[in-house]
């Protein structure tokens, strides 16, 4: 005989209680993990600086290793090092004892991550790496642990408690290890003088690649409407309309760029003067227009437009001569914005 299935849907009051508790738990986790990272900053000292120097002076690569949750952190940190100028790769500690240890050379620096510092797989490969001549940086939560004692440099990532209410699941400890690794990667980036161009070379794909690799000259329009200062406003309006950019550039044979005439200039002039048929464009144009070099990054053009609340920029070559123009729509089409 089939029994009626009892509804497991909680009452509205219970749901509200559960939601409040979920928010409370979420806040507690964030507060615990934030406190753990803040405590790292207070403890950071000479060992961290020595770790930076050790990696900078090494002739090989950084090898990051761990097991379990620490392994996930190690994999992420290897990617961060590699993308910020420090050649690095991840080796799974369990796989290392089954052949992957052959990827590590005497010139490499091994960063081993373990909260307890007593992981069997890591402790198996560490003596082999050191016998080979490699150096060891250990990130652990226990400075008295076996891994910490074996290390050339130990970075203290201990936390007062895990964010898990059982104080068991790796939460605050993995956050601390991740933050400490990120700090190491950024300190190395700074020490190497790693800049935006370097970053672009290792991030050529996607939105980030477009922002870092697209130059003004790649997206500008070369066919820019131009006229001289003596031209009447109707002539300027015709040139502006034909160009389809909402602007025309005013040039002088000797001085080069002297101004820009835009839709905004036209509206303001009509409000102020009314009949513009006999008015020279020089009387109503914007003098000293904003310009940007063709070799500058397109994202810099976006920043300049937003900072100056303008929609068009003139583009100049290395000699300062007009070679093009662009507006915000060009940048939208290039997916730079």
Foldseek 3Di string as FASTA:
>chain_A
DDDDDDDPDDDPVVVVVVVVVVVVLVVLQVVQLVVLQVVLVVPDDDLLVVVLVLQVPFPDAEEEEEDDLSRVLSQVLQVLLCLLPGNYHYDYLVVCVVPVVVVQALRYEYEYEDAQLADPSVVVCLVVNVVRNYAYEYEYCDCPHPNNVSHPGYRHSHGPFHSPPVSPDHRSSSSSVNSSSNVSSVVNSVVVVRDLQSSLVSVCDDLSVLQSPAFQLNQFAQPAAEDEQQDFVVVQVVSCVVRPPQKHFYADPPPATFFMAGPVLVVVCCVVPPDRRNPGVNVRTGGPFAEDERGHGVLVVVVVCVVVVHFKHFYAYPVRHTRGMGGPVSCVVSSND
